[in-house]
Amino acid sequence: MAGTFAGALEARHIEIDPQRYEVEAIGEIVLDEKVLVIRRITVRYRLAVAEDRRAEVERVHGFHARFCPVARSIEGAIDVRTELEMI
């Protein structure tokens, strides 16, 4: 997902400093009939963005998961959420 998001930003000529682009993925795992199962994954993006590009970054954040092969592959089985923090 991080690559899909970064690629979508790059396609729109929104420069992202790799030193200021952080991604954290957190999985919520539950015990289901004695089997560990991933129920939810939250992907948190933190990146530096120019003030005049913030609205566009938010728009890209809103749709990028639909174009991510991983997110689409696990859709329906695992709830995938994303969060965005712009600094």
C-alpha atoms as a PDB file:
ATOM      1  CA  MET A   1       0.000   0.000   0.000  1.00  0.00           C
ATOM      2  CA  ALA A   2       2.853   2.361   0.773  1.00  0.00           C
ATOM      3  CA  GLY A   3       4.219   1.953  -2.723  1.00  0.00           C
ATOM      4  CA  THR A   4       0.809   2.467  -4.324  1.00  0.00           C
ATOM      5  CA  PHE A   5       0.268   5.635  -2.302  1.00  0.00           C
ATOM      6  CA  ALA A   6       3.748   6.987  -3.073  1.00  0.00           C
ATOM      7  CA  GLY A   7       3.342   6.121  -6.757  1.00  0.00           C
ATOM      8  CA  ALA A   8      -0.008   7.903  -6.970  1.00  0.00           C
ATOM      9  CA  LEU A   9       1.557  10.999  -5.405  1.00  0.00           C
ATOM     10  CA  GLU A  10       4.508  10.818  -7.767  1.00  0.00           C
ATOM     11  CA  ALA A  11       2.162  10.565 -10.766  1.00  0.00           C
ATOM     12  CA  ARG A  12       0.686  13.880  -9.668  1.00  0.00           C
ATOM     13  CA  HIS A  13       4.149  15.441  -9.297  1.00  0.00           C
ATOM     14  CA  ILE A  14       3.807  15.689  -5.529  1.00  0.00           C
ATOM     15  CA  GLU A  15       7.328  15.333  -4.236  1.00  0.00           C
ATOM     16  CA  ILE A  16       7.832  13.223  -1.148  1.00  0.00           C
ATOM     17  CA  ASP A  17      11.093  13.299   0.752  1.00  0.00           C
ATOM     18  CA  PRO A  18      11.975   9.635   1.470  1.00  0.00           C
ATOM     19  CA  GLN A  19      13.558  10.753   4.744  1.00  0.00           C
ATOM     20  CA  ARG A  20      10.219  12.236   5.815  1.00  0.00           C
ATOM     21  CA  TYR A  21       7.896   9.477   4.559  1.00  0.00           C
ATOM     22  CA  GLU A  22       7.021   7.010   7.303  1.00  0.00           C
ATOM     23  CA  VAL A  23       4.665   4.073   7.075  1.00  0.00           C
ATOM     24  CA  GLU A  24       3.556   1.874   9.941  1.00  0.00           C
ATOM     25  CA  ALA A  25       1.299  -1.166   9.576  1.00  0.00           C
ATOM     26  CA  ILE A  26      -0.443  -2.571  12.621  1.00  0.00           C
ATOM     27  CA  GLY A  27      -2.292  -5.878  12.528  1.00  0.00           C
ATOM     28  CA  GLU A  28      -5.105  -6.788  14.871  1.00  0.00           C
ATOM     29  CA  ILE A  29      -4.924 -10.509  15.520  1.00  0.00           C
ATOM     30  CA  VAL A  30      -7.605 -12.518  17.303  1.00  0.00           C
ATOM     31  CA  LEU A  31      -7.912 -16.100  18.434  1.00  0.00           C
ATOM     32  CA  ASP A  32     -10.685 -17.769  16.411  1.00  0.00           C
ATOM     33  CA  GLU A  33     -11.355 -21.396  17.349  1.00  0.00           C
ATOM     34  CA  LYS A  34      -7.756 -21.787  18.586  1.00  0.00           C
ATOM     35  CA  VAL A  35      -6.338 -20.249  15.394  1.00  0.00           C
ATOM     36  CA  LEU A  36      -4.690 -16.839  15.202  1.00  0.00           C
ATOM     37  CA  VAL A  37      -6.477 -14.788  12.539  1.00  0.00           C
ATOM     38  CA  ILE A  38      -5.731 -11.307  11.236  1.00  0.00           C
ATOM     39  CA  ARG A  39      -8.945  -9.286  11.477  1.00  0.00           C
ATOM     40  CA  ARG A  40      -7.743  -5.781  10.718  1.00  0.00           C
ATOM     41  CA  ILE A  41      -4.703  -3.989   9.363  1.00  0.00           C
ATOM     42  CA  THR A  42      -4.238  -0.281   9.920  1.00  0.00           C
ATOM     43  CA  VAL A  43      -1.667   1.444   7.725  1.00  0.00           C
ATOM     44  CA  ARG A  44      -0.512   4.818   9.038  1.00  0.00           C
ATOM     45  CA  TYR A  45       1.207   7.257   6.717  1.00  0.00           C
ATOM     46  CA  ARG A  46       3.194  10.215   8.034  1.00  0.00           C
ATOM     47  CA  LEU A  47       4.768  12.544   5.505  1.00  0.00           C
ATOM     48  CA  ALA A  48       5.879  16.083   4.928  1.00  0.00           C
ATOM     49  CA  VAL A  49       3.692  17.847   2.373  1.00  0.00           C
ATOM     50  CA  ALA A  50       3.737  21.393   1.049  1.00  0.00           C
ATOM     51  CA  GLU A  51       0.745  23.355   2.309  1.00  0.00           C
ATOM     52  CA  ASP A  52      -0.602  23.977  -1.205  1.00  0.00           C
ATOM     53  CA  ARG A  53      -0.657  20.224  -1.996  1.00  0.00           C
ATOM     54  CA  ARG A  54      -2.382  18.947   1.154  1.00  0.00           C
ATOM     55  CA  ALA A  55      -5.886  18.770  -0.305  1.00  0.00           C
ATOM     56  CA  GLU A  56      -4.614  16.748  -3.245  1.00  0.00           C
ATOM     57  CA  VAL A  57      -2.705  14.375  -0.946  1.00  0.00           C
ATOM     58  CA  GLU A  58      -5.874  13.847   1.097  1.00  0.00           C
ATOM     59  CA  ARG A  59      -7.808  13.083  -2.097  1.00  0.00           C
ATOM     60  CA  VAL A  60      -5.193  10.526  -3.206  1.00  0.00           C
ATOM     61  CA  HIS A  61      -5.234   8.983   0.265  1.00  0.00           C
ATOM     62  CA  GLY A  62      -8.987   8.562  -0.077  1.00  0.00           C
ATOM     63  CA  PHE A  63      -8.801   6.306  -3.129  1.00  0.00           C
ATOM     64  CA  HIS A  64      -5.320   4.744  -3.324  1.00  0.00           C
ATOM     65  CA  ALA A  65      -6.276   1.485  -1.576  1.00  0.00           C
ATOM     66  CA  ARG A  66      -8.685   0.630  -4.418  1.00  0.00           C
ATOM     67  CA  PHE A  67      -5.669   0.449  -6.738  1.00  0.00           C
ATOM     68  CA  CYS A  68      -3.372  -1.510  -4.422  1.00  0.00           C
ATOM     69  CA  PRO A  69      -2.931  -5.186  -5.403  1.00  0.00           C
ATOM     70  CA  VAL A  70      -2.431  -6.283  -1.790  1.00  0.00           C
ATOM     71  CA  ALA A  71      -5.429  -4.397  -0.416  1.00  0.00           C
ATOM     72  CA  ARG A  72      -7.629  -5.690  -3.238  1.00  0.00           C
ATOM     73  CA  SER A  73      -6.415  -9.258  -2.729  1.00  0.00           C
ATOM     74  CA  ILE A  74      -7.369  -9.384   0.934  1.00  0.00           C
ATOM     75  CA  GLU A  75     -10.524  -7.283   0.581  1.00  0.00           C
ATOM     76  CA  GLY A  76     -13.436  -8.968   2.293  1.00  0.00           C
ATOM     77  CA  ALA A  77     -11.230 -11.214   4.413  1.00  0.00           C
ATOM     78  CA  ILE A  78      -9.309  -8.563   6.337  1.00  0.00           C
ATOM     79  CA  ASP A  79     -10.491  -5.056   7.147  1.00  0.00           C
ATOM     80  CA  VAL A  80      -7.834  -2.645   5.861  1.00  0.00           C
ATOM     81  CA  ARG A  81      -7.811   0.922   7.133  1.00  0.00           C
ATOM     82  CA  THR A  82      -5.470   3.785   6.453  1.00  0.00           C
ATOM     83  CA  GLU A  83      -4.635   6.927   8.389  1.00  0.00           C
ATOM     84  CA  LEU A  84      -2.811   9.998   7.138  1.00  0.00           C
ATOM     85  CA  GLU A  85      -0.768  12.523   9.096  1.00  0.00           C
ATOM     86  CA  MET A  86       0.748  15.390   7.198  1.00  0.00           C
ATOM     87  CA  ILE A  87       3.544  17.375   8.811  1.00  0.00           C
END
